[in-house]
């Protein structure tokens, strides 16, 4: 009686090793990614920011400005915006420990 099994099918040492090493490789890759989450997140974030800033630099270049000056304009504008938002954001917060009048 055949029971639906293929009589030519055998489990070879080669197939077992391929499966074991594949599982080991995937587990190692997952472990490496888990250990470098912060570095990967920062690298991907930096690449996205660089791409976005490059688009702004290219738009400034289309206005007839050289690339070095376009880069300086975009960076200075970004810093002015970030510095301008910083104090405005802090001024909207309630003081954590208000000083009681004496």
N, C-alpha and C. Protein backbone atom coordinates (compact mmCIF):
# COMPACT_ATOMS: atom_id res chain seq x y z
N UNK A 1 0.84 -1.17 0.00
CA UNK A 1 0.00 0.00 0.00
C UNK A 1 0.89 1.24 0.00
N UNK A 2 0.56 2.25 -0.85
CA UNK A 2 1.43 3.39 -1.08
C UNK A 2 1.15 4.55 -0.12
N UNK A 3 -0.05 4.73 0.36
CA UNK A 3 -0.45 5.81 1.26
C UNK A 3 -0.21 7.20 0.67
N UNK A 4 -0.11 7.33 -0.63
CA UNK A 4 0.04 8.63 -1.27
C UNK A 4 1.44 9.20 -1.22
N UNK A 5 2.39 8.53 -0.63
CA UNK A 5 3.76 9.03 -0.54
C UNK A 5 4.52 8.67 -1.81
N UNK A 6 5.41 9.54 -2.19
CA UNK A 6 6.24 9.30 -3.37
C UNK A 6 7.36 8.33 -2.98
N UNK A 7 7.42 7.17 -3.64
CA UNK A 7 8.46 6.20 -3.26
C UNK A 7 9.87 6.68 -3.59
N UNK A 8 10.00 7.64 -4.49
CA UNK A 8 11.33 8.16 -4.84
C UNK A 8 11.77 9.31 -3.93
N UNK A 9 10.88 9.74 -3.05
CA UNK A 9 11.19 10.87 -2.17
C UNK A 9 12.03 10.39 -0.99
N UNK A 10 13.15 11.01 -0.82
CA UNK A 10 14.00 10.70 0.33
C UNK A 10 14.49 11.98 0.95
N UNK A 11 14.72 11.93 2.22
CA UNK A 11 15.28 13.08 2.93
C UNK A 11 16.78 12.86 2.95
N UNK A 12 17.47 13.72 2.23
CA UNK A 12 18.92 13.56 2.17
C UNK A 12 19.58 14.50 3.18
N UNK A 13 20.80 14.21 3.49
CA UNK A 13 21.58 15.06 4.40
C UNK A 13 21.73 16.45 3.80
N UNK A 14 21.89 16.51 2.49
CA UNK A 14 22.04 17.80 1.81
C UNK A 14 20.80 18.66 2.01
N UNK A 15 19.61 18.09 1.85
CA UNK A 15 18.38 18.86 2.03
C UNK A 15 18.21 19.32 3.47
N UNK A 16 18.53 18.46 4.41
CA UNK A 16 18.44 18.82 5.82
C UNK A 16 19.39 19.96 6.14
N UNK A 17 20.61 19.89 5.63
CA UNK A 17 21.59 20.96 5.88
C UNK A 17 21.15 22.27 5.24
N UNK A 18 20.59 22.21 4.05
CA UNK A 18 20.13 23.43 3.38
C UNK A 18 19.04 24.10 4.21
N UNK A 19 18.09 23.32 4.69
CA UNK A 19 17.00 23.88 5.50
C UNK A 19 17.55 24.44 6.81
N UNK A 20 18.43 23.71 7.47
CA UNK A 20 18.99 24.17 8.76
C UNK A 20 19.79 25.45 8.60
N UNK A 21 20.65 25.50 7.58
CA UNK A 21 21.45 26.70 7.40
C UNK A 21 20.62 27.89 6.92
N UNK A 22 19.54 27.63 6.18
CA UNK A 22 18.64 28.71 5.79
C UNK A 22 17.97 29.30 7.01
N UNK A 23 17.48 28.44 7.90
CA UNK A 23 16.85 28.91 9.13
C UNK A 23 17.86 29.66 9.99
N UNK A 24 19.07 29.14 10.09
CA UNK A 24 20.12 29.81 10.86
C UNK A 24 20.46 31.17 10.26
N UNK A 25 20.53 31.24 8.95
CA UNK A 25 20.83 32.52 8.29
C UNK A 25 19.74 33.55 8.51
N UNK A 26 18.49 33.13 8.40
CA UNK A 26 17.38 34.06 8.64
C UNK A 26 17.37 34.52 10.09
N UNK A 27 17.60 33.60 11.02
CA UNK A 27 17.64 33.97 12.44
C UNK A 27 18.78 34.95 12.71
N UNK A 28 19.92 34.73 12.10
CA UNK A 28 21.06 35.65 12.26
C UNK A 28 20.74 37.03 11.69
N UNK A 29 20.11 37.06 10.54
CA UNK A 29 19.73 38.34 9.93
C UNK A 29 18.74 39.09 10.80
N UNK A 30 17.75 38.39 11.33
CA UNK A 30 16.76 39.02 12.22
C UNK A 30 17.46 39.55 13.47
N UNK A 31 18.36 38.78 14.04
CA UNK A 31 19.10 39.22 15.24
C UNK A 31 19.93 40.47 14.94
N UNK A 32 20.60 40.48 13.79
CA UNK A 32 21.43 41.64 13.42
C UNK A 32 20.58 42.88 13.23
N UNK A 33 19.43 42.72 12.59
CA UNK A 33 18.55 43.88 12.40
C UNK A 33 18.03 44.37 13.74
N UNK A 34 17.69 43.47 14.63
CA UNK A 34 17.19 43.88 15.95
C UNK A 34 18.28 44.60 16.75
N UNK A 35 19.52 44.20 16.60
CA UNK A 35 20.60 44.84 17.33
C UNK A 35 20.98 46.20 16.76
N UNK A 36 20.68 46.44 15.50
CA UNK A 36 21.08 47.70 14.85
C UNK A 36 19.87 48.55 14.48
N UNK A 37 18.77 48.40 15.20
CA UNK A 37 17.55 49.16 14.91
C UNK A 37 17.81 50.66 14.92
N UNK A 38 18.48 51.15 15.94
CA UNK A 38 18.70 52.59 16.05
C UNK A 38 19.55 53.10 14.89
N UNK A 39 20.62 52.40 14.58
CA UNK A 39 21.48 52.82 13.47
C UNK A 39 20.72 52.78 12.15
N UNK A 40 19.92 51.75 11.94
CA UNK A 40 19.13 51.66 10.70
C UNK A 40 18.10 52.77 10.63
N UNK A 41 17.44 53.05 11.74
CA UNK A 41 16.43 54.11 11.77
C UNK A 41 17.06 55.46 11.48
N UNK A 42 18.19 55.75 12.11
CA UNK A 42 18.87 57.03 11.87
C UNK A 42 19.36 57.14 10.44
N UNK A 43 19.88 56.04 9.89
CA UNK A 43 20.38 56.07 8.51
C UNK A 43 19.26 56.29 7.51
N UNK A 44 18.15 55.60 7.71
CA UNK A 44 17.01 55.78 6.80
C UNK A 44 16.44 57.18 6.93
N UNK A 45 16.34 57.68 8.16
CA UNK A 45 15.85 59.05 8.37
C UNK A 45 16.76 60.07 7.72
N UNK A 46 18.07 59.88 7.85
CA UNK A 46 19.02 60.80 7.24
C UNK A 46 18.92 60.78 5.72
N UNK A 47 18.72 59.60 5.15
CA UNK A 47 18.57 59.50 3.69
C UNK A 47 17.31 60.21 3.21
N UNK A 48 16.22 60.09 3.96
CA UNK A 48 14.98 60.78 3.59
C UNK A 48 15.14 62.30 3.68
N UNK A 49 15.79 62.76 4.74
CA UNK A 49 16.00 64.21 4.89
C UNK A 49 16.91 64.73 3.79
N UNK A 50 17.97 63.98 3.48
CA UNK A 50 18.89 64.40 2.42
C UNK A 50 18.18 64.47 1.07
N UNK A 51 17.30 63.52 0.80
CA UNK A 51 16.55 63.53 -0.45
C UNK A 51 15.62 64.74 -0.51
N UNK A 52 14.93 65.01 0.59
CA UNK A 52 14.02 66.16 0.62
C UNK A 52 14.80 67.47 0.44
N UNK A 53 15.94 67.60 1.12
CA UNK A 53 16.72 68.82 0.98
C UNK A 53 17.32 68.95 -0.42
N UNK A 54 17.66 67.84 -1.04
CA UNK A 54 18.19 67.89 -2.39
C UNK A 54 17.15 68.44 -3.36
N UNK A 55 15.89 68.07 -3.17
CA UNK A 55 14.84 68.61 -4.03
C UNK A 55 14.73 70.13 -3.87
N UNK A 56 14.85 70.59 -2.63
CA UNK A 56 14.81 72.05 -2.40
C UNK A 56 16.01 72.74 -3.04
N UNK A 57 17.18 72.13 -2.92
CA UNK A 57 18.39 72.71 -3.52
C UNK A 57 18.23 72.78 -5.04
N UNK A 58 17.68 71.74 -5.65
CA UNK A 58 17.47 71.75 -7.11
C UNK A 58 16.50 72.84 -7.53
N UNK A 59 15.47 73.09 -6.72
CA UNK A 59 14.52 74.16 -7.04
C UNK A 59 15.19 75.53 -6.95
N UNK A 60 16.04 75.71 -5.95
CA UNK A 60 16.76 76.98 -5.82
C UNK A 60 17.75 77.13 -6.99
N UNK A 61 18.37 76.03 -7.41
CA UNK A 61 19.29 76.07 -8.55
C UNK A 61 18.58 76.51 -9.83
N UNK A 62 17.32 76.12 -9.98
CA UNK A 62 16.57 76.50 -11.18
C UNK A 62 16.33 78.01 -11.25
N UNK A 63 16.49 78.68 -10.12
CA UNK A 63 16.35 80.14 -10.09
C UNK A 63 17.62 80.83 -10.55
N UNK A 64 18.64 80.04 -10.92
CA UNK A 64 19.87 80.61 -11.44
C UNK A 64 20.97 80.76 -10.41
N UNK A 65 20.83 80.12 -9.27
CA UNK A 65 21.83 80.19 -8.21
C UNK A 65 22.73 78.97 -8.35
N UNK A 66 24.02 79.13 -8.09
CA UNK A 66 24.95 77.99 -8.13
C UNK A 66 24.64 77.00 -7.01
N UNK A 67 25.07 75.77 -7.20
CA UNK A 67 24.75 74.73 -6.22
C UNK A 67 25.30 75.03 -4.82
N UNK A 68 26.56 75.46 -4.67
CA UNK A 68 27.04 75.75 -3.30
C UNK A 68 26.20 76.82 -2.60
N UNK A 69 25.84 77.86 -3.33
CA UNK A 69 25.01 78.91 -2.73
C UNK A 69 23.60 78.40 -2.46
N UNK A 70 23.07 77.55 -3.34
CA UNK A 70 21.74 76.98 -3.13
C UNK A 70 21.73 76.11 -1.87
N UNK A 71 22.79 75.34 -1.66
CA UNK A 71 22.89 74.52 -0.46
C UNK A 71 22.92 75.41 0.78
N UNK A 72 23.70 76.48 0.73
CA UNK A 72 23.79 77.40 1.88
C UNK A 72 22.44 78.04 2.16
N UNK A 73 21.73 78.43 1.12
CA UNK A 73 20.42 79.07 1.29
C UNK A 73 19.44 78.09 1.95
N UNK A 74 19.41 76.86 1.47
CA UNK A 74 18.49 75.87 2.03
C UNK A 74 18.84 75.55 3.48
N UNK A 75 20.11 75.39 3.79
CA UNK A 75 20.52 75.05 5.16
C UNK A 75 20.21 76.21 6.10
N UNK A 76 20.53 77.43 5.70
CA UNK A 76 20.26 78.59 6.56
C UNK A 76 18.75 78.75 6.76
N UNK A 77 17.98 78.58 5.70
CA UNK A 77 16.52 78.68 5.82
C UNK A 77 15.98 77.62 6.77
N UNK A 78 16.49 76.39 6.65
CA UNK A 78 16.06 75.32 7.54
C UNK A 78 16.40 75.64 9.00
N UNK A 79 17.60 76.16 9.23
CA UNK A 79 17.99 76.51 10.60
C UNK A 79 17.13 77.64 11.16
N UNK A 80 16.83 78.65 10.33
CA UNK A 80 15.98 79.76 10.78
C UNK A 80 14.60 79.24 11.14
N UNK A 81 14.05 78.35 10.32
CA UNK A 81 12.73 77.80 10.60
C UNK A 81 12.75 76.98 11.88
N UNK A 82 13.75 76.13 12.05
CA UNK A 82 13.83 75.30 13.25
C UNK A 82 14.03 76.14 14.51
N UNK A 83 14.88 77.15 14.43
CA UNK A 83 15.12 78.02 15.58
C UNK A 83 13.87 78.84 15.87
N UNK A 84 13.17 79.26 14.84
CA UNK A 84 11.94 80.02 15.03
C UNK A 84 10.83 79.20 15.66
N UNK A 85 10.75 77.93 15.32
CA UNK A 85 9.72 77.06 15.88
C UNK A 85 10.05 76.70 17.32
N UNK A 86 11.33 76.54 17.64
CA UNK A 86 11.74 76.13 18.98
C UNK A 86 11.20 77.02 20.08
N UNK A 87 11.52 78.33 20.11
CA UNK A 87 11.00 79.19 21.18
C UNK A 87 9.49 79.33 21.14
N UNK A 88 8.89 79.33 19.95
CA UNK A 88 7.44 79.44 19.87
C UNK A 88 6.78 78.23 20.51
N UNK A 89 7.34 77.06 20.30
CA UNK A 89 6.79 75.85 20.88
C UNK A 89 6.92 75.88 22.40
N UNK A 90 8.04 76.37 22.91
CA UNK A 90 8.24 76.42 24.35
C UNK A 90 7.33 77.43 25.02
N UNK A 91 7.00 78.52 24.32
CA UNK A 91 6.18 79.56 24.93
C UNK A 91 4.73 79.12 25.07
N UNK A 92 4.30 78.10 24.34
CA UNK A 92 2.92 77.64 24.43
C UNK A 92 2.71 76.67 25.58
N UNK A 93 3.77 76.18 26.16
CA UNK A 93 3.64 75.20 27.23
C UNK A 93 3.36 75.88 28.56
N UNK A 94 2.61 75.18 29.37
CA UNK A 94 2.38 75.66 30.73
C UNK A 94 3.63 75.35 31.55
N UNK A 95 3.97 76.20 32.49
CA UNK A 95 5.12 75.88 33.34
C UNK A 95 4.84 74.61 34.15
N UNK A 96 5.86 73.79 34.30
CA UNK A 96 5.67 72.53 35.01
C UNK A 96 5.44 72.75 36.50
N UNK A 97 6.20 73.67 37.08
CA UNK A 97 6.05 73.99 38.49
C UNK A 97 5.87 75.50 38.64
N UNK A 98 4.63 75.95 38.62
CA UNK A 98 4.44 77.40 38.71
C UNK A 98 4.93 77.93 40.05
N UNK A 99 5.49 79.11 39.99
CA UNK A 99 6.01 79.76 41.18
C UNK A 99 4.83 80.45 41.87
N UNK A 100 4.63 80.14 43.14
CA UNK A 100 3.53 80.78 43.87
C UNK A 100 3.96 82.15 44.35
N UNK A 101 3.04 83.12 44.27
CA UNK A 101 3.40 84.47 44.73
C UNK A 101 3.56 84.49 46.24
N UNK A 102 4.45 85.37 46.74
CA UNK A 102 4.70 85.46 48.18
C UNK A 102 4.09 86.68 48.75
